[in-house]
Protein backbone atom coordinates (compact mmCIF):
# COMPACT_ATOMS: atom_id res chain seq x y z
CA MET A 1 -9.35 -25.03 34.65
CA SER A 2 -10.45 -28.65 34.03
CA SER A 3 -10.16 -29.30 37.59
CA LEU A 4 -11.72 -26.51 38.66
CA VAL A 5 -14.68 -27.54 36.42
CA ARG A 6 -14.48 -31.02 37.76
CA ASN A 7 -14.94 -30.09 41.14
CA VAL A 8 -17.10 -27.67 40.47
CA GLY A 9 -19.29 -30.08 38.57
CA THR A 10 -18.97 -32.66 41.33
CA ILE A 11 -20.30 -30.36 44.22
CA GLY A 12 -22.79 -28.54 42.02
CA GLY A 13 -24.17 -31.64 40.82
CA LEU A 14 -24.77 -33.22 44.36
CA THR A 15 -25.64 -29.77 45.38
CA ALA A 16 -28.69 -29.83 42.63
CA VAL A 17 -29.55 -33.15 43.94
CA SER A 18 -29.89 -31.68 47.64
CA ARG A 19 -31.66 -28.55 46.15
CA VAL A 20 -34.52 -30.39 44.50
CA PHE A 21 -35.24 -32.50 47.28
CA GLY A 22 -35.10 -29.02 49.32
CA PHE A 23 -37.66 -27.71 47.04
CA ILE A 24 -39.76 -30.56 47.44
CA ARG A 25 -39.85 -30.14 51.45
CA ASP A 26 -40.70 -26.43 50.91
CA MET A 27 -43.34 -27.23 48.49
CA MET A 28 -44.80 -29.53 50.72
CA LEU A 29 -44.30 -27.29 54.08
CA SER A 30 -45.99 -24.54 52.12
CA ARG A 31 -49.20 -26.63 51.35
CA VAL A 32 -49.32 -28.23 54.90
CA LEU A 33 -48.51 -25.16 56.90
CA GLY A 34 -49.05 -22.12 54.73
CA ALA A 35 -47.62 -18.86 56.34
CA GLY A 36 -49.38 -18.29 59.13
CA MET A 37 -48.34 -18.51 63.02
CA ALA A 38 -46.97 -22.06 63.48
CA SER A 39 -45.00 -21.55 59.80
CA ASP A 40 -43.33 -18.27 61.29
CA ALA A 41 -42.35 -20.01 64.75
CA TRP A 42 -40.94 -22.98 62.65
CA GLN A 43 -38.87 -20.84 60.34
CA LEU A 44 -37.40 -19.03 63.40
CA ALA A 45 -36.30 -22.13 64.90
CA PHE A 46 -34.84 -23.43 61.84
CA THR A 47 -33.24 -20.23 61.00
CA LEU A 48 -31.10 -19.77 64.29
CA PRO A 49 -29.10 -23.23 64.23
CA ASN A 50 -28.59 -22.80 60.57
CA THR A 51 -27.77 -19.10 60.16
CA PHE A 52 -24.72 -20.40 63.01
CA ARG A 53 -23.96 -23.11 61.22
CA ARG A 54 -23.32 -20.69 57.56
CA LEU A 55 -21.69 -18.52 60.03
CA PHE A 56 -19.36 -20.46 61.80
CA ALA A 57 -18.96 -23.91 60.45
CA GLU A 58 -19.08 -23.56 56.98
CA GLY A 59 -18.41 -19.92 56.63
CA ALA A 60 -15.52 -18.83 59.52
CA PHE A 61 -13.99 -22.40 60.65
CA SER A 62 -13.89 -23.68 57.13
CA VAL A 63 -12.31 -20.62 55.53
CA ALA A 64 -9.47 -20.46 58.50
CA PHE A 65 -9.23 -24.26 59.16
CA VAL A 66 -8.78 -25.75 55.17
CA PRO A 67 -5.68 -23.44 54.53
CA MET A 68 -4.22 -24.87 57.71
CA TYR A 69 -4.64 -28.20 57.49
CA THR A 70 -3.71 -27.99 53.55
CA ARG A 71 -0.48 -26.42 54.62
CA ALA A 72 0.13 -29.29 57.34
CA LEU A 73 -0.92 -31.85 54.76
CA HIS A 74 1.73 -30.50 52.20
CA SER A 75 4.68 -29.83 54.86
CA GLU A 76 7.13 -32.25 55.54
CA GLY A 77 5.46 -33.79 58.49
CA GLY A 78 2.66 -34.81 55.87
CA GLU A 79 -0.20 -37.00 56.97
CA ASP A 80 1.00 -36.70 60.67
CA ALA A 81 1.25 -33.35 60.74
CA ALA A 82 -2.05 -33.00 59.28
CA ALA A 83 -3.67 -35.92 61.59
CA ARG A 84 -2.05 -34.49 64.55
CA PHE A 85 -3.58 -30.88 64.10
CA ALA A 86 -7.04 -32.15 63.24
CA SER A 87 -7.41 -34.14 66.06
CA ASP A 88 -5.83 -30.88 68.30
CA VAL A 89 -8.46 -28.92 66.70
CA LEU A 90 -11.50 -31.53 67.45
CA ALA A 91 -10.38 -31.98 71.02
CA VAL A 92 -11.26 -28.36 71.47
CA PHE A 93 -13.56 -28.06 68.73
CA VAL A 94 -16.47 -30.45 70.45
CA TRP A 95 -16.35 -28.30 73.95
CA VAL A 96 -16.93 -24.75 72.12
CA LEU A 97 -19.73 -26.50 70.65
CA LEU A 98 -21.25 -28.11 73.56
CA GLY A 99 -20.94 -24.93 75.43
CA PHE A 100 -21.92 -22.59 72.89
CA SER A 101 -25.10 -24.99 72.02
CA ALA A 102 -26.08 -25.31 76.04
CA LEU A 103 -25.74 -21.46 76.65
CA CYS A 104 -28.12 -20.86 73.51
CA MET A 105 -30.77 -23.00 74.79
CA LEU A 106 -30.71 -21.62 78.16
CA ALA A 107 -30.66 -18.31 76.97
CA MET A 108 -33.21 -19.13 74.22
CA PRO A 109 -35.88 -16.86 75.29
CA GLY A 110 -33.89 -13.78 75.40
CA ILE A 111 -32.44 -14.82 72.10
CA VAL A 112 -35.99 -15.28 70.25
CA TRP A 113 -37.24 -11.84 71.94
CA LEU A 114 -34.33 -9.96 70.49
CA LEU A 115 -35.10 -11.44 67.15
CA ALA A 116 -38.82 -11.37 67.27
CA ARG A 117 -40.60 -9.60 70.33
CA ASP A 118 -43.27 -8.90 68.19
CA TYR A 119 -44.20 -12.42 68.19
CA GLN A 120 -45.66 -12.00 71.94
CA GLU A 121 -48.36 -9.96 70.24
CA VAL A 122 -49.93 -13.19 69.03
CA PRO A 123 -51.07 -15.64 71.97
CA GLY A 124 -48.71 -18.97 72.10
CA LYS A 125 -46.66 -17.60 69.23
CA PHE A 126 -43.42 -16.31 71.05
CA GLU A 127 -43.66 -19.61 73.53
CA LEU A 128 -43.95 -21.98 70.58
CA ALA A 129 -41.01 -20.15 69.02
CA VAL A 130 -38.81 -20.56 72.06
CA SER A 131 -39.63 -24.60 72.34
CA LEU A 132 -38.82 -25.14 68.77
CA SER A 133 -35.72 -23.20 68.96
CA ARG A 134 -34.62 -25.04 71.96
CA MET A 135 -35.12 -28.64 69.69
CA THR A 136 -33.37 -27.32 66.84
CA PHE A 137 -30.27 -25.66 68.18
CA PRO A 138 -28.23 -28.87 69.09
CA TYR A 139 -28.66 -29.23 65.23
CA LEU A 140 -25.70 -26.81 65.23
CA ALA A 141 -23.23 -28.87 66.97
CA LEU A 142 -24.07 -31.80 64.99
CA VAL A 143 -23.61 -29.99 61.92
CA SER A 144 -20.66 -28.38 62.75
CA LEU A 145 -18.45 -31.87 63.27
CA VAL A 146 -20.08 -32.33 59.95
CA ALA A 147 -18.30 -29.38 58.23
CA MET A 148 -15.25 -29.83 60.20
CA LEU A 149 -14.84 -33.26 58.37
CA SER A 150 -15.98 -32.11 55.05
CA GLY A 151 -13.22 -29.76 55.66
CA LEU A 152 -10.82 -32.39 55.87
CA LEU A 153 -11.91 -34.28 52.74
CA ASN A 154 -12.38 -31.00 50.60
CA ALA A 155 -8.36 -30.64 51.35
CA ARG A 156 -7.63 -34.14 49.95
CA SER A 157 -9.80 -32.94 46.76
CA ARG A 158 -12.77 -34.95 48.02
CA PHE A 159 -15.58 -33.16 47.58
CA ALA A 160 -18.33 -35.72 46.66
CA PRO A 161 -19.10 -36.51 50.75
CA GLY A 162 -19.66 -33.12 51.77
CA ALA A 163 -22.08 -32.19 49.22
CA VAL A 164 -24.17 -35.40 49.83
CA VAL A 165 -24.94 -34.51 53.50
CA PRO A 166 -27.44 -31.62 52.48
CA VAL A 167 -29.28 -34.81 50.74
CA LEU A 168 -29.60 -36.50 54.18
CA LEU A 169 -31.26 -33.35 56.15
CA ASN A 170 -34.04 -32.90 53.07
CA LEU A 171 -35.04 -36.53 52.91
CA VAL A 172 -35.42 -36.58 56.78
CA MET A 173 -37.15 -33.74 56.61
CA ILE A 174 -39.42 -34.61 54.22
CA GLY A 175 -40.47 -37.39 56.71
CA GLY A 176 -40.99 -35.32 59.42
CA ILE A 177 -43.38 -33.25 57.54
CA LEU A 178 -45.14 -36.28 56.27
CA THR A 179 -45.40 -37.61 59.65
CA GLY A 180 -46.40 -34.07 61.12
CA TYR A 181 -49.54 -34.22 58.40
CA VAL A 182 -50.69 -37.73 59.56
CA LEU A 183 -50.51 -36.94 63.30
CA ARG A 184 -52.81 -33.72 62.38
CA GLU A 185 -55.09 -35.52 60.22
CA ARG A 186 -55.35 -37.79 63.31
CA GLY A 187 -56.62 -34.90 65.51
CA GLY A 188 -53.42 -32.66 65.73
CA ASP A 189 -52.94 -28.92 64.64
CA ASP A 190 -50.48 -26.98 63.06
CA VAL A 191 -48.23 -26.70 65.96
CA THR A 192 -48.05 -30.72 65.40
CA VAL A 193 -46.68 -30.43 62.18
CA ALA A 194 -43.80 -27.69 63.57
CA TRP A 195 -42.94 -30.03 66.52
CA SER A 196 -42.48 -32.79 63.83
CA LEU A 197 -39.90 -30.74 61.83
CA ALA A 198 -38.21 -30.05 64.75
CA VAL A 199 -37.23 -33.25 66.03
CA SER A 200 -36.51 -34.44 62.38
CA LEU A 201 -34.19 -31.91 62.07
CA ALA A 202 -32.10 -33.13 65.15
CA ILE A 203 -32.49 -36.44 63.61
CA ALA A 204 -31.06 -35.55 60.57
CA GLY A 205 -28.14 -34.23 62.10
CA MET A 206 -27.30 -37.41 63.81
CA ALA A 207 -27.68 -39.27 60.46
CA GLN A 208 -25.34 -36.45 58.75
CA LEU A 209 -22.45 -36.89 61.36
CA ALA A 210 -22.64 -40.77 61.32
CA TYR A 211 -22.17 -40.60 57.38
CA MET A 212 -19.30 -38.01 57.31
CA ALA A 213 -17.77 -40.31 59.99
CA TRP A 214 -17.84 -43.04 57.92
CA ALA A 215 -16.69 -41.30 54.65
CA THR A 216 -13.80 -39.72 56.69
CA ARG A 217 -13.04 -43.23 57.64
CA LYS A 218 -13.27 -44.75 54.08
CA ALA A 219 -10.47 -42.11 53.33
CA GLY A 220 -7.98 -43.10 55.43
CA VAL A 221 -8.18 -40.36 57.82
CA THR A 222 -8.09 -41.02 61.35
CA LEU A 223 -8.90 -38.75 64.05
CA VAL A 224 -7.90 -39.27 67.53
CA VAL A 225 -10.48 -37.69 70.52
CA ARG A 226 -8.07 -36.67 73.30
CA MET A 227 -7.96 -34.08 76.06
CA PRO A 228 -8.37 -30.38 74.85
CA LYS A 229 -5.22 -28.87 74.43
CA LEU A 230 -4.48 -25.11 73.56
CA THR A 231 -1.62 -25.54 70.72
CA ARG A 232 0.11 -22.95 68.85
CA GLU A 233 -1.75 -23.81 65.97
CA VAL A 234 -5.17 -24.05 67.40
CA ARG A 235 -4.62 -20.65 69.23
CA ARG A 236 -3.62 -19.42 65.50
CA LEU A 237 -7.12 -20.75 64.04
CA GLY A 238 -8.73 -19.28 66.91
CA MET A 239 -7.51 -16.04 66.26
CA LEU A 240 -8.26 -16.26 62.45
CA ILE A 241 -11.77 -17.86 62.81
CA LEU A 242 -12.85 -14.71 65.19
CA PRO A 243 -12.59 -12.12 62.53
CA ALA A 244 -13.69 -14.43 59.93
CA THR A 245 -16.66 -15.05 61.70
CA PHE A 246 -17.77 -11.89 60.41
CA GLY A 247 -16.05 -11.40 57.49
CA ALA A 248 -17.25 -14.61 55.97
CA GLY A 249 -20.78 -14.19 57.21
CA ILE A 250 -22.02 -11.14 55.84
CA TYR A 251 -24.85 -13.09 54.33
CA GLN A 252 -25.97 -14.96 57.29
CA ILE A 253 -25.87 -11.90 59.68
CA SER A 254 -27.49 -9.95 57.26
CA GLN A 255 -30.07 -13.06 57.31
CA LEU A 256 -30.57 -12.42 61.39
CA VAL A 257 -30.80 -8.80 60.37
CA ASP A 258 -33.72 -9.58 57.74
CA THR A 259 -35.18 -11.96 60.52
CA PHE A 260 -35.59 -8.92 62.81
CA PHE A 261 -37.23 -6.68 60.63
CA ALA A 262 -39.34 -9.53 59.28
CA THR A 263 -40.91 -10.88 62.44
CA SER A 264 -42.31 -7.07 63.00
CA LEU A 265 -44.39 -7.08 59.42
CA PRO A 266 -47.92 -8.97 59.40
CA GLN A 267 -47.80 -12.56 60.31
CA GLY A 268 -46.87 -14.77 57.81
CA SER A 269 -43.92 -12.49 56.52
CA LEU A 270 -41.24 -14.46 57.99
CA THR A 271 -42.32 -17.47 56.19
CA LEU A 272 -42.66 -15.51 52.81
CA LEU A 273 -39.36 -14.23 52.70
CA LYS A 274 -37.86 -17.66 53.70
CA LEU A 275 -39.74 -19.49 50.92
CA ALA A 276 -38.86 -16.78 48.57
CA ASP A 277 -35.19 -17.51 49.31
CA ARG A 278 -35.58 -20.85 48.28
CA LEU A 279 -35.52 -20.17 44.66
CA ASN A 280 -32.67 -17.58 45.14
CA GLN A 281 -30.87 -19.94 46.93
CA MET A 282 -31.21 -23.02 44.38
CA PRO A 283 -28.44 -21.01 41.84
CA LEU A 284 -26.94 -19.44 44.73
CA GLY A 285 -26.46 -23.08 46.65
CA ILE A 286 -25.26 -24.72 43.38
CA PHE A 287 -22.88 -22.50 41.91
CA GLY A 288 -21.90 -20.11 44.55
CA ILE A 289 -21.11 -22.91 47.13
CA ALA A 290 -19.75 -25.06 44.92
CA LEU A 291 -17.07 -22.28 43.35
CA GLY A 292 -16.44 -21.16 47.20
CA THR A 293 -15.78 -24.88 48.38
CA ALA A 294 -13.69 -25.76 45.09
CA ILE A 295 -11.41 -22.91 44.84
CA LEU A 296 -10.48 -22.47 48.48
CA PRO A 297 -7.97 -25.27 48.68
CA MET A 298 -6.92 -24.72 45.02
CA LEU A 299 -6.10 -21.44 45.84
CA ALA A 300 -4.18 -21.91 49.09
CA ARG A 301 -1.79 -24.45 47.53
CA HIS A 302 -0.68 -21.97 44.35
CA ILE A 303 -0.47 -19.14 46.94
CA GLN A 304 1.65 -21.31 49.38
CA THR A 305 4.07 -22.14 46.08
CA GLY A 306 4.20 -18.41 45.07
CA ASP A 307 2.32 -18.74 41.87
CA SER A 308 0.39 -15.75 41.53
CA ARG A 309 -0.01 -16.26 37.78
CA GLU A 310 -1.93 -19.77 38.30
CA ALA A 311 -3.81 -18.26 41.22
CA GLN A 312 -4.75 -15.31 39.00
CA ARG A 313 -5.86 -17.67 36.10
CA LEU A 314 -7.82 -19.63 38.93
CA GLN A 315 -10.11 -16.68 40.16
CA ALA A 316 -10.59 -15.48 36.56
CA ASN A 317 -11.78 -18.74 35.37
CA ALA A 318 -14.00 -18.85 38.77
CA VAL A 319 -15.76 -15.54 37.84
CA GLU A 320 -16.20 -16.71 34.14
CA VAL A 321 -18.22 -19.63 35.29
CA GLY A 322 -19.85 -17.58 38.26
CA THR A 323 -21.33 -15.25 35.89
CA LEU A 324 -21.94 -17.77 33.06
CA LEU A 325 -24.20 -19.34 35.25
CA THR A 326 -25.53 -16.80 37.50
CA LEU A 327 -26.29 -13.87 35.36
CA PRO A 328 -28.87 -15.59 33.10
CA ALA A 329 -30.27 -17.61 36.36
CA ALA A 330 -31.02 -13.88 37.93
CA ALA A 331 -32.77 -12.49 35.04
CA ALA A 332 -34.97 -15.77 34.00
CA LEU A 333 -35.68 -15.88 37.87
CA ALA A 334 -36.97 -12.33 38.51
CA ILE A 335 -38.97 -12.64 34.70
CA CYS A 336 -40.39 -15.87 35.91
CA ALA A 337 -41.20 -15.25 39.39
CA PRO A 338 -45.14 -15.31 39.47
CA ALA A 339 -44.84 -18.60 37.18
CA PHE A 340 -42.40 -20.64 39.50
CA VAL A 341 -43.85 -19.28 42.76
CA THR A 342 -47.33 -19.99 41.67
CA ALA A 343 -46.12 -23.40 40.20
CA PHE A 344 -44.10 -24.31 43.31
CA PHE A 345 -45.83 -23.01 46.31
CA VAL A 346 -49.28 -21.72 45.90
CA GLY A 347 -51.91 -24.30 46.91
CA GLY A 348 -53.16 -25.78 50.08
CA LYS A 349 -52.62 -23.49 52.86
CA MET A 350 -50.61 -21.12 50.75
CA THR A 351 -53.37 -18.93 49.04
CA PRO A 352 -52.81 -16.85 46.07
CA ASP A 353 -52.41 -13.47 47.37
CA LYS A 354 -49.65 -14.81 49.29
CA GLY A 355 -47.97 -16.20 46.30
CA ALA A 356 -48.22 -12.90 44.71
CA ILE A 357 -46.54 -11.35 47.69
CA MET A 358 -43.72 -13.90 47.61
CA ALA A 359 -43.26 -13.51 44.15
CA HIS A 360 -42.45 -9.64 44.31
CA ILE A 361 -39.81 -10.70 46.85
CA VAL A 362 -37.99 -13.28 44.84
CA VAL A 363 -37.56 -10.57 42.24
CA ALA A 364 -36.18 -8.23 44.77
CA LEU A 365 -33.74 -11.23 46.19
CA VAL A 366 -32.33 -12.25 42.52
CA CYS A 367 -30.94 -8.79 41.72
CA GLY A 368 -28.08 -9.52 43.70
CA LEU A 369 -27.88 -13.24 43.00
CA PRO A 370 -24.34 -12.51 40.96
CA ALA A 371 -22.82 -10.75 43.91
CA TYR A 372 -23.82 -13.66 46.21
CA VAL A 373 -21.89 -15.94 44.13
CA LEU A 374 -19.08 -13.51 43.28
CA VAL A 375 -18.34 -13.14 47.05
CA LYS A 376 -18.02 -16.57 47.10
CA VAL A 377 -15.10 -16.28 44.48
CA PHE A 378 -13.41 -12.95 46.03
CA GLN A 379 -13.49 -14.13 49.41
CA PRO A 380 -11.00 -17.00 49.34
CA ALA A 381 -8.50 -14.79 47.79
CA PHE A 382 -8.06 -13.00 51.51
CA PHE A 383 -8.89 -16.01 53.33
CA SER A 384 -5.88 -18.53 51.45
CA ARG A 385 -3.70 -15.60 52.21
CA GLU A 386 -4.72 -15.88 56.12
CA ASP A 387 -6.03 -12.23 55.82
CA THR A 388 -9.24 -12.37 57.73
CA ARG A 389 -9.16 -8.96 58.61
CA THR A 390 -9.64 -6.99 55.47
CA PRO A 391 -13.31 -8.71 55.12
CA VAL A 392 -14.13 -7.93 58.62
CA ALA A 393 -13.80 -4.01 57.67
CA VAL A 394 -15.85 -4.71 54.14
CA ALA A 395 -18.46 -6.61 56.13
CA ALA A 396 -18.85 -4.47 58.34
CA GLY A 397 -19.68 -1.51 56.53
CA ALA A 398 -22.03 -3.38 54.23
CA LEU A 399 -23.73 -4.40 57.37
CA VAL A 400 -24.22 -1.18 58.72
CA ILE A 401 -25.52 0.14 55.35
CA ASN A 402 -27.99 -2.81 55.14
CA ILE A 403 -29.53 -1.79 58.76
CA GLY A 404 -29.91 1.81 57.55
CA LEU A 405 -31.44 0.44 54.20
CA ASN A 406 -33.96 -1.83 56.16
CA PHE A 407 -35.07 1.34 58.55
CA ALA A 408 -35.71 3.39 55.55
CA VAL A 409 -37.62 0.84 53.28
CA VAL A 410 -39.33 -1.45 55.41
CA PRO A 411 -41.79 1.14 56.88
CA ARG A 412 -42.51 1.95 53.38
CA PHE A 413 -42.17 -0.80 51.03
CA GLY A 414 -42.63 -3.83 53.57
CA ILE A 415 -41.03 -7.30 53.45
CA VAL A 416 -40.09 -6.69 49.25
CA GLY A 417 -38.35 -3.56 50.70
CA LEU A 418 -36.14 -5.77 53.08
CA ALA A 419 -35.06 -8.27 50.63
CA ALA A 420 -34.27 -5.11 48.11
CA ALA A 421 -31.93 -3.79 50.64
CA THR A 422 -30.20 -7.42 51.16
CA ALA A 423 -29.33 -7.60 47.31
CA THR A 424 -28.12 -3.66 47.25
CA THR A 425 -25.78 -4.38 50.41
CA ALA A 426 -24.50 -7.74 48.95
CA THR A 427 -23.53 -5.75 45.52
CA LEU A 428 -21.61 -3.08 47.58
CA ASN A 429 -19.70 -5.86 49.47
CA VAL A 430 -18.41 -7.98 46.28
CA VAL A 431 -17.73 -4.43 44.56
CA THR A 432 -15.64 -3.38 47.45
CA LEU A 433 -14.21 -6.79 48.05
CA TYR A 434 -12.98 -6.45 44.24
CA THR A 435 -11.56 -3.31 44.31
CA LEU A 436 -9.24 -3.86 47.12
CA LEU A 437 -8.14 -7.37 45.67
CA GLN A 438 -7.15 -4.92 42.45
CA ILE A 439 -5.37 -2.60 44.49
CA ARG A 440 -3.26 -5.15 46.03
CA GLY A 441 -2.66 -6.75 42.67
CA TRP A 442 -4.13 -10.01 43.83
CA PHE A 443 -6.65 -9.88 41.29
CA HIS A 444 -7.69 -7.94 38.59
CA PHE A 445 -10.21 -8.08 35.62
CA THR A 446 -8.64 -8.41 32.14
CA GLY A 447 -10.07 -7.41 28.83
CA LYS A 448 -10.47 -10.87 27.56
CA LEU A 449 -12.58 -11.69 31.27
CA ALA A 450 -14.58 -8.47 30.62
CA SER A 451 -15.11 -9.21 27.14
CA ARG A 452 -16.57 -12.64 28.01
CA ILE A 453 -18.69 -11.30 30.60
CA GLY A 454 -20.27 -8.87 27.85
CA ARG A 455 -21.17 -11.28 25.50
CA GLN A 456 -22.75 -13.11 28.56
CA ILE A 457 -24.68 -10.11 28.94
CA VAL A 458 -25.89 -9.88 25.44
CA ALA A 459 -26.94 -13.94 25.60
CA THR A 460 -28.75 -12.97 28.82
CA ALA A 461 -30.66 -9.97 27.07
CA ALA A 462 -31.91 -12.40 24.39
CA MET A 463 -32.80 -15.06 26.77
CA SER A 464 -34.90 -12.30 28.61
CA ALA A 465 -36.54 -11.10 25.45
CA ALA A 466 -37.99 -14.54 24.96
CA LEU A 467 -39.18 -15.22 28.43
CA LEU A 468 -41.01 -11.80 28.24
CA LEU A 469 -42.80 -12.91 25.61
CA LEU A 470 -43.69 -16.73 26.64
CA MET A 471 -44.76 -15.45 29.83
CA PRO A 472 -48.11 -14.08 29.03
CA LEU A 473 -48.86 -17.40 26.73
CA MET A 474 -49.10 -19.52 29.47
CA ALA A 475 -50.44 -17.38 32.48
CA ASP A 476 -53.64 -19.43 33.38
CA ARG A 477 -51.72 -23.15 33.57
CA TYR A 478 -49.01 -21.94 36.35
CA GLY A 479 -51.84 -22.54 39.06
CA GLY A 480 -53.64 -25.22 37.08
CA SER A 481 -53.28 -29.05 37.28
CA VAL A 482 -49.97 -30.71 38.15
CA LEU A 483 -49.21 -31.36 34.47
CA GLU A 484 -50.44 -27.70 33.53
CA ARG A 485 -47.64 -26.97 36.10
CA VAL A 486 -45.33 -29.17 35.06
CA GLY A 487 -45.50 -28.36 31.31
CA SER A 488 -45.50 -24.52 31.35
CA LEU A 489 -42.45 -24.40 33.42
CA THR A 490 -40.76 -26.91 31.11
CA VAL A 491 -41.59 -24.82 28.24
CA LEU A 492 -40.08 -21.90 29.86
CA VAL A 493 -36.98 -23.24 31.03
CA SER A 494 -36.35 -24.87 27.79
CA ALA A 495 -36.80 -22.05 25.78
CA GLY A 496 -34.74 -20.30 28.17
CA LEU A 497 -31.93 -22.53 28.11
CA VAL A 498 -31.74 -22.59 24.05
CA VAL A 499 -32.10 -19.17 23.57
CA PHE A 500 -29.32 -18.28 26.08
CA PHE A 501 -26.60 -21.33 24.97
CA ALA A 502 -27.54 -20.57 21.49
CA VAL A 503 -26.95 -17.17 21.67
CA ALA A 504 -23.83 -17.50 23.96
CA TRP A 505 -22.37 -20.14 21.38
CA LEU A 506 -22.83 -17.62 18.77
CA VAL A 507 -21.13 -14.65 20.20
CA GLY A 508 -18.68 -16.57 21.81
CA ALA A 509 -19.57 -15.84 25.35
CA PHE A 510 -17.83 -18.83 26.86
CA ASP A 511 -15.04 -21.12 26.04
CA LYS A 512 -16.28 -24.07 23.63
CA ASP A 513 -13.98 -26.49 25.25
CA LEU A 514 -15.76 -25.66 28.63
CA ILE A 515 -18.45 -27.59 27.02
CA GLY A 516 -16.22 -30.86 26.94
CA GLN A 517 -15.26 -30.23 30.34
CA LEU A 518 -18.60 -30.06 32.27
CA ARG A 519 -19.24 -33.40 30.20
CA ARG A 520 -16.19 -34.82 31.40
CA ARG A 521 -15.73 -36.13 27.98
CA ARG A 522 -11.82 -34.55 27.62
CA PRO A 523 -9.68 -32.07 28.69
CA PRO A 524 -9.27 -28.81 26.71
CA LYS A 525 -6.67 -28.84 24.02
CA GLN A 526 -4.95 -25.91 25.64
CA PRO A 527 -5.69 -24.28 28.91
CA VAL A 528 -7.84 -21.33 28.67
CA ASP A 529 -6.04 -18.05 30.55
CA LEU A 530 -8.12 -15.49 31.07
CA ALA A 531 -5.37 -13.70 33.26
CA GLU A 532 -3.45 -12.23 30.22
């Protein structure tokens, strides 16, 4: 477990830095653009390449590529076999990315019409969304190459470079917001800010690729750019990617579905949904992505060597860490949503009434937070066995249910109902995945693991009670001065952490040696075995 915790700590710590800068970016964006025509158009233009990035590059491609590259790296051919496979993939991957990006840019009016046809009702909004999307879409090709290089390093247990690149994105985009604000003050408008953001996204992609190329070279990995050739291994990778595109991307596909429904609601709804999801993405990005990234190559190695006991132990430990971090995070976000939204996002062009709607969206979204993270733990059990077909069936069923729920709840409950439908289907997805894992004998909950999670729930309940008592006491400070906002949130977060970990320690909600690992002081005296 020490290696898993160490890797999760590395990825999670660097991802936390990125999320902080992402928060700063969105705090600035909410105050500069608010929730209106330009912000909605920008959110759509930002959503398109990022959804495809998570779906293809960081989703389907990574889960198919990393196990194959890991196997090549540990085969008799070693470094030579791995380098040959990676170079063959790169030769084909570059042309696929360029062709797909060019096709989408040409077809952008149709793509925007499919997702946001109601934008045509607001003069200039549809045209702005198309133009911004054409500017941002090349980011997909750049960041997809970044994901490939990150996968190479992850297979070598070098997780830090891949976790650093999002920091570059947020830093460059913060510069884009500041540039747009200055230009608007000198005679521009909100559209000027949106264009500045779109340009900054393209610049960020180039910066990320340059950094990852340097990190790959520093790690001693050399890739040769050659003429594309569909080798047997490249064809096999392609066959794995096709179903994995759907199986690994239910959350991303749901994002497109949510975007479609959100654009049909009153102006500003898409912006409110995306900003609310930033709060949800904070723990999801830090814990879920870190766990999923760390577990895949480790699980692949255990399965390749036929060590099913170690595979069970690894997954059980990942579930324990995932619930330990997400159960209290979900409860705290749900209870403190009005405080967080008001302190972080309300001000400037973001009005209090919009903030109140955003808080309700946050509550609905975080109900599915544990499920979002556990999906990242359960899916690698399939992908590491090169089984990408099973998650396809699960994802297809969940997506159909999600669409049906949206048609039922969005007309009545609006954007909040949409968020609740997403959380519901995410939970259904993870329950189904676990059921299949247990039926196949690939993973099962043990009494020890269930007991540990039960104690985590007790600690979460104690923390929730404390936050419910504290919230009303500082209600007038969440929207006050900067010091009042920081002070009130500090009290809430500190109280929640102290109560949760104190009760968790008393009831045995986690292995106490885990603290030593997280602080990197020493390994446990005896490895934790939740597989028994």
